[in-house]
Amino acid sequence: MKVSASFLSSKDIPNDLRKLNETDVDYIHVDIMDGKFVSNKTMPFKEMKHIYEYTSKRLDVHLMVENPSAYIPLYAELNTEYISIHVEIMENIMKDLELIKSYSIKCGLAINPDTPVKELVPYLPYIDLILVMSVVPGKGGQSFIPETTQKLEEVRALIDSYSLDIVVNVDGGINQDTKQFCDKADILTAGSYIVGSENFQEKISSLRS
């Protein structure tokens, strides 16, 4: 199991990024919120771009924004492996996926807890990752939604039915107790469970086992 660490709930981002860089975490999960698609808003890119000064880990960027096309070129400049946009946006999803691909970055499509899995179907041939939200997106520290287990099973069955090589990431309320419900995932994204602890590596290792 791979682990992606979110610093959304961090009280000291530079220090926590340095500490994460010393662990074996696979990715740094970068949550971007515009105050429109979700009510909260994260720091602007002019501040976020300095992330490379604190970590050399690959980035897993999650765009919780109405218009990803304005953000994709910016985050493509960083050490980014995945950029995920939401299937619920009004913007042209195919154009956004093509834009991500144009930077040779892997495409992710995120899906909210209340959105039917079938909404992903038209885009399956064009994506590398599905980000299953196990909380309502927009803020850290929320509890894992139990129905996520069924959603993960549906997503995995859908991928297998088309014989596609798509990675499944699950994000929200992930910890040592809830990971058991996510065995259909390939990546666990955890935030407060890791950065709110005294020992980052210990928490990361507990998610892998």
Protein backbone atom coordinates (compact mmCIF):
# COMPACT_ATOMS: atom_id res chain seq x y z
CA MET A 1 0.00 0.00 0.00
CA LYS A 2 1.31 3.44 -0.92
CA VAL A 3 0.79 6.46 1.33
CA SER A 4 0.21 10.10 0.40
CA ALA A 5 0.48 12.64 3.22
CA SER A 6 -1.74 15.74 3.27
CA PHE A 7 -0.61 18.84 5.15
CA LEU A 8 -4.05 20.51 5.00
CA SER A 9 -4.41 20.39 8.80
CA SER A 10 -0.77 21.34 9.50
CA LYS A 11 -0.07 24.17 11.95
CA ASP A 12 3.51 24.57 10.70
CA ILE A 13 3.68 23.65 7.03
CA PRO A 14 7.41 24.23 6.33
CA ASN A 15 8.47 22.21 9.36
CA ASP A 16 5.99 19.40 8.68
CA LEU A 17 7.09 19.18 5.03
CA ARG A 18 10.72 18.87 6.18
CA LYS A 19 9.72 16.10 8.58
CA LEU A 20 7.73 14.30 5.86
CA ASN A 21 10.74 14.52 3.57
CA GLU A 22 12.68 12.42 6.08
CA THR A 23 10.09 9.62 5.98
CA ASP A 24 9.43 6.99 3.31
CA VAL A 25 6.04 8.50 2.39
CA ASP A 26 5.34 8.03 -1.33
CA TYR A 27 3.67 11.36 -2.08
CA ILE A 28 2.83 14.73 -0.61
CA HIS A 29 -0.89 15.33 -1.15
CA VAL A 30 -1.46 18.98 -2.05
CA ASP A 31 -5.04 20.16 -1.46
CA ILE A 32 -6.02 23.24 -3.47
CA MET A 33 -9.32 24.94 -2.63
CA ASP A 34 -10.75 28.04 -4.30
CA GLY A 35 -13.53 29.02 -1.87
CA LYS A 36 -16.07 28.31 -4.63
CA PHE A 37 -16.14 24.59 -5.38
CA VAL A 38 -15.69 24.13 -1.63
CA SER A 39 -16.20 26.80 1.03
CA ASN A 40 -12.63 26.88 2.31
CA LYS A 41 -9.67 28.41 0.51
CA THR A 42 -5.99 27.43 0.59
CA MET A 43 -2.92 29.60 0.17
CA PRO A 44 -2.25 31.05 -3.31
CA PHE A 45 0.22 29.48 -5.71
CA LYS A 46 2.79 32.23 -5.09
CA GLU A 47 3.17 30.72 -1.62
CA MET A 48 2.49 27.08 -2.48
CA LYS A 49 5.19 27.02 -5.16
CA HIS A 50 7.85 27.15 -2.43
CA ILE A 51 6.98 23.61 -1.40
CA TYR A 52 10.06 22.36 -3.28
CA GLU A 53 12.26 24.19 -0.76
CA TYR A 54 11.09 21.82 1.98
CA THR A 55 10.55 18.48 0.26
CA SER A 56 11.80 16.53 -2.74
CA LYS A 57 8.86 14.09 -2.61
CA ARG A 58 6.61 13.74 -5.64
CA LEU A 59 3.36 15.66 -5.39
CA ASP A 60 -0.17 14.33 -5.64
CA VAL A 61 -2.18 17.51 -6.39
CA HIS A 62 -5.92 17.58 -5.65
CA LEU A 63 -7.75 20.50 -7.27
CA MET A 64 -10.98 21.23 -5.40
CA VAL A 65 -11.71 24.16 -7.70
CA GLU A 66 -14.37 25.24 -10.18
CA ASN A 67 -11.94 26.01 -13.00
CA PRO A 68 -8.95 23.62 -12.95
CA SER A 69 -7.66 24.99 -16.27
CA ALA A 70 -6.42 28.08 -14.39
CA TYR A 71 -4.46 25.94 -11.91
CA ILE A 72 -3.12 23.05 -13.97
CA PRO A 73 -0.32 25.02 -15.74
CA LEU A 74 0.87 26.34 -12.35
CA TYR A 75 1.07 23.02 -10.54
CA ALA A 76 2.54 21.35 -13.60
CA GLU A 77 5.67 23.44 -12.87
CA LEU A 78 6.28 21.59 -9.60
CA ASN A 79 7.49 18.05 -8.86
CA THR A 80 4.02 16.71 -9.61
CA GLU A 81 3.16 13.10 -10.47
CA TYR A 82 -0.65 13.35 -10.35
CA ILE A 83 -3.12 16.18 -10.81
CA SER A 84 -6.69 15.24 -9.88
CA ILE A 85 -9.75 17.28 -10.83
CA HIS A 86 -13.34 16.65 -9.74
CA VAL A 87 -15.91 14.87 -11.90
CA GLU A 88 -18.53 17.27 -10.44
CA ILE A 89 -17.12 20.45 -12.03
CA MET A 90 -18.93 22.36 -14.77
CA GLU A 91 -15.75 22.98 -16.78
CA ASN A 92 -15.01 20.72 -19.78
CA ILE A 93 -13.42 17.70 -18.09
CA MET A 94 -11.94 16.22 -21.26
CA LYS A 95 -10.16 19.47 -22.08
CA ASP A 96 -8.76 19.59 -18.55
CA LEU A 97 -7.53 16.01 -18.77
CA GLU A 98 -5.88 16.77 -22.11
CA LEU A 99 -4.24 19.83 -20.55
CA ILE A 100 -2.81 17.74 -17.71
CA LYS A 101 -1.53 15.15 -20.20
CA SER A 102 0.11 17.90 -22.27
CA TYR A 103 2.54 18.41 -19.38
CA SER A 104 3.30 14.65 -19.21
CA ILE A 105 1.61 14.49 -15.80
CA LYS A 106 -0.73 11.67 -14.78
CA CYS A 107 -4.45 12.49 -14.68
CA GLY A 108 -6.67 11.86 -11.70
CA LEU A 109 -10.44 12.18 -11.38
CA ALA A 110 -11.87 12.76 -7.90
CA ILE A 111 -15.37 11.74 -6.92
CA ASN A 112 -17.39 13.06 -3.96
CA PRO A 113 -19.23 10.77 -1.50
CA ASP A 114 -22.68 11.52 -2.95
CA THR A 115 -21.70 11.21 -6.63
CA PRO A 116 -22.60 7.93 -8.40
CA VAL A 117 -19.61 5.91 -9.63
CA LYS A 118 -21.16 5.77 -13.13
CA GLU A 119 -20.20 9.44 -13.60
CA LEU A 120 -16.60 8.27 -14.05
CA VAL A 121 -17.33 5.97 -16.99
CA PRO A 122 -16.89 8.43 -19.93
CA TYR A 123 -13.40 9.37 -18.70
CA LEU A 124 -11.97 5.97 -17.76
CA PRO A 125 -9.82 5.56 -20.91
CA TYR A 126 -8.14 8.91 -20.25
CA ILE A 127 -7.26 8.77 -16.55
CA ASP A 128 -4.49 7.20 -14.47
CA LEU A 129 -6.04 7.57 -11.01
CA ILE A 130 -9.43 7.73 -9.31
CA LEU A 131 -9.51 9.69 -6.06
CA VAL A 132 -12.38 8.44 -3.91
CA MET A 133 -13.38 11.01 -1.31
CA SER A 134 -14.22 9.32 2.00
CA VAL A 135 -15.28 12.66 3.52
CA VAL A 136 -17.09 15.70 2.13
CA PRO A 137 -14.21 17.70 0.55
CA GLY A 138 -13.16 21.06 1.87
CA LYS A 139 -11.60 20.66 5.30
CA GLY A 140 -9.28 18.33 7.18
CA GLY A 141 -9.92 16.28 10.30
CA GLN A 142 -13.28 14.77 9.26
CA SER A 143 -14.45 11.24 10.05
CA PHE A 144 -14.36 8.46 7.47
CA ILE A 145 -17.74 7.83 5.80
CA PRO A 146 -18.49 4.07 6.22
CA GLU A 147 -20.24 3.79 2.83
CA THR A 148 -16.86 4.49 1.21
CA THR A 149 -16.07 0.77 1.44
CA GLN A 150 -18.88 -0.06 -0.97
CA LYS A 151 -17.86 2.80 -3.26
CA LEU A 152 -14.30 1.51 -3.41
CA GLU A 153 -15.62 -1.93 -4.35
CA GLU A 154 -17.74 -0.39 -7.12
CA VAL A 155 -14.80 1.62 -8.44
CA ARG A 156 -12.51 -1.43 -8.43
CA ALA A 157 -15.15 -3.55 -10.19
CA LEU A 158 -15.61 -0.83 -12.81
CA ILE A 159 -11.87 -0.62 -13.51
CA ASP A 160 -11.59 -4.40 -13.73
CA SER A 161 -14.60 -4.68 -16.06
CA TYR A 162 -12.74 -2.52 -18.59
CA SER A 163 -9.37 -4.18 -17.88
CA LEU A 164 -7.79 -0.79 -17.25
CA ASP A 165 -4.67 0.08 -15.28
CA ILE A 166 -6.03 2.82 -13.02
CA VAL A 167 -4.74 3.52 -9.52
CA VAL A 168 -7.30 4.01 -6.74
CA ASN A 169 -6.58 6.61 -4.07
CA VAL A 170 -8.85 7.16 -1.05
CA ASP A 171 -8.81 10.43 0.89
CA GLY A 172 -10.47 11.49 4.13
CA GLY A 173 -10.51 10.23 7.70
CA ILE A 174 -7.81 7.67 6.99
CA ASN A 175 -6.06 6.21 10.03
CA GLN A 176 -4.95 2.87 11.51
CA ASP A 177 -8.59 1.93 12.24
CA THR A 178 -10.23 2.96 8.95
CA LYS A 179 -7.54 1.57 6.63
CA GLN A 180 -9.09 -1.89 7.00
CA PHE A 181 -12.08 -0.65 5.01
CA CYS A 182 -9.87 0.47 2.12
CA ASP A 183 -8.32 -2.77 0.91
CA LYS A 184 -9.55 -2.04 -2.64
CA ALA A 185 -7.37 1.09 -2.76
CA ASP A 186 -3.76 1.38 -3.94
CA ILE A 187 -2.97 4.65 -2.14
CA LEU A 188 -4.13 5.89 1.24
CA THR A 189 -4.14 9.66 1.68
CA ALA A 190 -3.92 10.68 5.32
CA GLY A 191 -3.61 14.14 6.82
CA SER A 192 -4.18 14.84 10.50
CA TYR A 193 -3.43 11.20 11.41
CA ILE A 194 0.16 11.79 10.24
CA VAL A 195 0.92 15.50 10.69
CA GLY A 196 -0.97 15.68 13.99
CA SER A 197 1.25 12.99 15.49
CA GLU A 198 4.62 13.01 17.25
CA ASN A 199 6.12 10.37 14.96
CA PHE A 200 5.30 10.78 11.26
CA GLN A 201 7.15 7.64 10.15
CA GLU A 202 5.40 5.48 12.73
CA LYS A 203 1.98 6.58 11.45
CA ILE A 204 2.98 6.13 7.80
CA SER A 205 4.28 2.63 8.51
CA SER A 206 1.05 1.73 10.34
CA LEU A 207 -0.92 2.51 7.17
CA ARG A 208 1.27 0.28 5.02
CA SER A 209 1.01 -2.85 7.15
